[in-house]
Amino acid sequence: MAVNTYSMKKDWNKKVSAHFSVYEFACSDKSDIVLVDTLLIEVLEQIRAHFGKPVKINSAYRTPAYNISIGGSPRSQHCLGTAADIRIVGIDPIQIALYAASLPFYAKRGGIGYYSRVGLKDGFVHVDVRSWKSRWISKHGTAYVSVSKIMPTIKQGAKDCANGISYSVTVLQRHLGVTADGNFGAGTKAKLIEYQKAHGLTADGICGPGTWGSFT
């Protein structure tokens, strides 16, 4: 992981990867300096490749002064150049968040936040590449709640990208440390029951709010 420093005056149109340029990461206060983490770019490229559509960056780098002016967290990853708030036209932000969570990088680190505004398809996803793990949701500007609130209850037989369940099986499998093939089979169920027993949860092999909440 490396954070590169760019100048909007000199580098504004410079490509930082195949599909992203410096100006897309610039602070909204029009400051010259732009910080961009290379690992963040890799994550954004993976998301773009998966959905096959452009990723719109609402906010990436923020100067400390601008971050304060909009009420951002004093420890915001945006100020480090390691975060981006994104959306993809025509894609439910929940699906973007779930896919990001299924990436190997996010198994034990990185931040993912889901922000809804008017409805489920009106909002954005925050992704960052911090060294520790954090997950959160903010609905309609209200207080943050557990990620378990949006995760579907899944059991043996569930498959990713089928029956309205997308990526949640892969996310579960990465938490359990089993092969992440997106197929909730007998092996995943057995490992889940083992996990539930070890953590004082109902050992039924079904991953619902209680089990999801124990992961976050």
Protein backbone atom coordinates (compact mmCIF):
# COMPACT_ATOMS: atom_id res chain seq x y z
CA MET A 1 0.00 0.00 0.00
CA ALA A 2 1.35 3.42 -1.01
CA VAL A 3 -0.23 6.86 -1.02
CA ASN A 4 0.75 9.00 -4.00
CA THR A 5 0.58 12.80 -4.01
CA TYR A 6 -0.66 14.63 -7.10
CA SER A 7 -1.19 18.25 -8.11
CA MET A 8 -4.45 19.29 -9.74
CA LYS A 9 -2.59 22.02 -11.60
CA LYS A 10 -0.10 19.60 -13.12
CA ASP A 11 -1.76 16.18 -12.96
CA TRP A 12 -5.53 16.76 -13.05
CA ASN A 13 -6.10 14.56 -16.10
CA LYS A 14 -3.38 12.02 -15.36
CA LYS A 15 -4.47 8.39 -15.36
CA VAL A 16 -3.85 6.61 -12.05
CA SER A 17 -5.21 3.35 -13.49
CA ALA A 18 -7.01 2.09 -16.58
CA HIS A 19 -10.32 3.72 -15.67
CA PHE A 20 -9.57 6.44 -13.09
CA SER A 21 -7.90 9.85 -13.26
CA VAL A 22 -6.53 12.24 -10.63
CA TYR A 23 -9.40 14.74 -10.87
CA GLU A 24 -11.90 12.09 -9.75
CA PHE A 25 -10.18 11.91 -6.36
CA ALA A 26 -9.78 15.68 -5.84
CA CYS A 27 -11.19 17.46 -2.81
CA SER A 28 -14.39 19.44 -3.36
CA ASP A 29 -12.76 22.59 -1.94
CA LYS A 30 -10.68 22.77 -5.15
CA SER A 31 -7.35 22.48 -3.31
CA ASP A 32 -4.32 21.61 -5.43
CA ILE A 33 -3.02 18.58 -3.53
CA VAL A 34 -4.66 15.20 -4.09
CA LEU A 35 -3.74 12.05 -2.15
CA VAL A 36 -4.61 8.66 -3.63
CA ASP A 37 -3.80 5.24 -2.20
CA THR A 38 -2.76 2.64 -4.78
CA LEU A 39 -4.59 -0.13 -2.96
CA LEU A 40 -7.81 1.89 -3.01
CA ILE A 41 -7.46 2.18 -6.78
CA GLU A 42 -7.08 -1.61 -7.05
CA VAL A 43 -10.31 -2.08 -5.08
CA LEU A 44 -12.19 0.38 -7.28
CA GLU A 45 -10.95 -1.34 -10.42
CA GLN A 46 -12.14 -4.72 -9.09
CA ILE A 47 -15.58 -3.29 -8.37
CA ARG A 48 -15.76 -1.72 -11.83
CA ALA A 49 -14.66 -4.93 -13.54
CA HIS A 50 -17.23 -7.00 -11.66
CA PHE A 51 -20.24 -4.82 -12.46
CA GLY A 52 -19.00 -3.83 -15.91
CA LYS A 53 -20.03 -0.21 -15.43
CA PRO A 54 -18.24 3.06 -14.56
CA VAL A 55 -17.78 3.78 -10.86
CA LYS A 56 -18.80 7.31 -9.93
CA ILE A 57 -16.72 8.79 -7.09
CA ASN A 58 -18.78 11.20 -4.99
CA SER A 59 -15.97 12.01 -2.56
CA ALA A 60 -12.40 10.77 -2.18
CA TYR A 61 -9.55 12.87 -0.82
CA ARG A 62 -10.51 15.63 1.61
CA THR A 63 -8.26 18.28 3.09
CA PRO A 64 -8.51 18.39 6.91
CA ALA A 65 -10.14 21.83 6.72
CA TYR A 66 -12.79 20.68 4.25
CA ASN A 67 -13.46 17.54 6.26
CA ILE A 68 -14.13 19.65 9.36
CA SER A 69 -16.37 22.01 7.41
CA ILE A 70 -18.72 19.18 6.37
CA GLY A 71 -18.74 17.53 9.78
CA GLY A 72 -16.53 14.59 8.85
CA SER A 73 -14.92 12.33 11.41
CA PRO A 74 -11.66 13.70 12.85
CA ARG A 75 -10.12 10.35 11.92
CA SER A 76 -11.63 10.21 8.44
CA GLN A 77 -9.83 7.94 6.00
CA HIS A 78 -10.69 10.49 3.33
CA CYS A 79 -8.02 12.82 4.75
CA LEU A 80 -5.42 10.11 4.21
CA GLY A 81 -6.34 9.46 0.59
CA THR A 82 -7.43 5.93 1.47
CA ALA A 83 -11.20 6.24 1.03
CA ALA A 84 -13.83 6.86 -1.63
CA ASP A 85 -17.61 7.24 -1.56
CA ILE A 86 -18.94 5.59 -4.70
CA ARG A 87 -22.04 4.67 -6.66
CA ILE A 88 -22.80 2.89 -9.93
CA VAL A 89 -25.76 3.94 -12.04
CA GLY A 90 -28.36 1.19 -12.13
CA ILE A 91 -26.80 -0.87 -9.32
CA ASP A 92 -28.29 -1.09 -5.84
CA PRO A 93 -25.66 0.25 -3.39
CA ILE A 94 -26.34 -2.73 -1.12
CA GLN A 95 -25.07 -5.03 -3.86
CA ILE A 96 -21.95 -2.91 -4.24
CA ALA A 97 -21.31 -3.10 -0.50
CA LEU A 98 -21.87 -6.86 -0.41
CA TYR A 99 -19.57 -7.44 -3.36
CA ALA A 100 -16.84 -5.31 -1.80
CA ALA A 101 -17.18 -7.30 1.42
CA SER A 102 -16.68 -10.52 -0.55
CA LEU A 103 -13.25 -9.44 -1.82
CA PRO A 104 -10.31 -11.21 -0.12
CA PHE A 105 -8.82 -7.89 1.03
CA TYR A 106 -11.87 -7.14 3.15
CA ALA A 107 -11.96 -10.45 5.03
CA LYS A 108 -10.13 -9.01 8.03
CA ARG A 109 -9.52 -5.33 7.30
CA GLY A 110 -10.78 -2.29 5.41
CA GLY A 111 -13.86 -0.14 5.90
CA ILE A 112 -17.20 -0.52 4.12
CA GLY A 113 -20.17 1.72 4.84
CA TYR A 114 -23.60 1.77 3.23
CA TYR A 115 -25.51 5.06 3.15
CA SER A 116 -29.10 5.17 1.94
CA ARG A 117 -30.94 8.38 1.20
CA VAL A 118 -34.47 8.13 -0.19
CA GLY A 119 -34.75 4.44 -1.00
CA LEU A 120 -32.60 1.36 -1.25
CA LYS A 121 -31.33 2.35 -4.68
CA ASP A 122 -30.63 5.97 -3.74
CA GLY A 123 -27.40 6.21 -1.83
CA PHE A 124 -23.74 5.37 -1.97
CA VAL A 125 -21.08 3.07 -0.58
CA HIS A 126 -17.96 4.08 1.32
CA VAL A 127 -14.90 1.90 0.77
CA ASP A 128 -11.50 2.40 2.36
CA VAL A 129 -8.30 0.42 2.82
CA ARG A 130 -7.58 0.94 6.52
CA SER A 131 -5.53 -1.72 8.28
CA TRP A 132 -8.37 -2.78 10.61
CA LYS A 133 -11.91 -3.92 9.90
CA SER A 134 -14.98 -1.69 10.15
CA ARG A 135 -18.52 -2.02 8.80
CA TRP A 136 -21.49 0.33 9.21
CA ILE A 137 -24.79 1.53 7.79
CA SER A 138 -26.49 4.92 7.87
CA LYS A 139 -30.08 5.03 6.65
CA HIS A 140 -31.68 8.32 5.66
CA GLY A 141 -29.10 10.26 7.67
CA THR A 142 -30.03 8.52 10.92
CA ALA A 143 -27.71 6.94 13.47
CA TYR A 144 -25.40 4.17 12.33
CA VAL A 145 -26.65 0.62 12.74
CA SER A 146 -25.17 -2.85 12.44
CA VAL A 147 -24.37 -4.33 9.05
CA SER A 148 -26.46 -7.33 10.13
CA LYS A 149 -29.56 -5.20 9.48
CA ILE A 150 -29.21 -5.57 5.71
CA MET A 151 -27.66 -9.02 5.43
CA PRO A 152 -30.14 -11.70 4.32
CA THR A 153 -30.75 -14.81 6.39
CA ILE A 154 -29.15 -17.68 4.48
CA LYS A 155 -28.93 -21.43 4.92
CA GLN A 156 -27.74 -24.55 3.13
CA GLY A 157 -28.75 -24.43 -0.53
CA ALA A 158 -28.25 -20.67 -0.94
CA LYS A 159 -26.09 -19.58 -3.86
CA ASP A 160 -24.65 -16.20 -4.66
CA CYS A 161 -26.18 -14.21 -7.52
CA ALA A 162 -29.29 -16.39 -7.41
CA ASN A 163 -32.75 -15.99 -5.90
CA GLY A 164 -32.00 -12.39 -4.98
CA ILE A 165 -29.05 -13.36 -2.77
CA SER A 166 -25.85 -11.79 -4.03
CA TYR A 167 -22.40 -12.26 -2.51
CA SER A 168 -23.65 -12.93 1.02
CA VAL A 169 -22.60 -16.60 0.91
CA THR A 170 -19.09 -15.60 -0.17
CA VAL A 171 -18.92 -13.05 2.66
CA LEU A 172 -19.98 -15.74 5.16
CA GLN A 173 -17.46 -18.25 3.81
CA ARG A 174 -14.61 -15.77 4.13
CA HIS A 175 -15.60 -15.11 7.74
CA LEU A 176 -15.59 -18.85 8.43
CA GLY A 177 -12.30 -19.48 6.65
CA VAL A 178 -13.70 -22.02 4.18
CA THR A 179 -13.42 -22.08 0.39
CA ALA A 180 -15.32 -19.03 -0.87
CA ASP A 181 -17.18 -20.52 -3.84
CA GLY A 182 -20.52 -18.79 -3.21
CA ASN A 183 -22.30 -22.11 -2.67
CA PHE A 184 -23.75 -22.79 0.80
CA GLY A 185 -23.17 -26.52 0.99
CA ALA A 186 -22.78 -29.09 3.75
CA GLY A 187 -19.20 -28.05 4.49
CA THR A 188 -20.17 -24.42 5.00
CA LYS A 189 -23.08 -25.45 7.23
CA ALA A 190 -20.86 -27.68 9.37
CA LYS A 191 -18.29 -24.91 9.81
CA LEU A 192 -21.03 -22.40 10.62
CA ILE A 193 -22.47 -24.67 13.32
CA GLU A 194 -18.98 -25.06 14.76
CA TYR A 195 -18.59 -21.27 14.80
CA GLN A 196 -22.01 -20.73 16.37
CA LYS A 197 -21.29 -23.20 19.18
CA ALA A 198 -17.93 -21.57 19.90
CA HIS A 199 -19.52 -18.12 20.17
CA GLY A 200 -22.59 -18.98 22.22
CA LEU A 201 -25.04 -18.59 19.34
CA THR A 202 -27.96 -20.78 18.33
CA ALA A 203 -26.18 -23.62 16.53
CA ASP A 204 -28.70 -24.21 13.74
CA GLY A 205 -26.47 -23.76 10.70
CA ILE A 206 -28.53 -20.76 9.60
CA CYS A 207 -26.83 -17.39 9.25
CA GLY A 208 -29.25 -14.72 10.42
CA PRO A 209 -28.97 -11.34 12.20
CA GLY A 210 -27.42 -12.80 15.34
CA THR A 211 -24.62 -14.56 13.50
CA TRP A 212 -24.02 -11.68 11.09
CA GLY A 213 -23.83 -9.33 14.05
CA SER A 214 -21.14 -11.45 15.69
CA PHE A 215 -18.86 -10.93 12.69
CA THR A 216 -18.94 -7.10 12.75
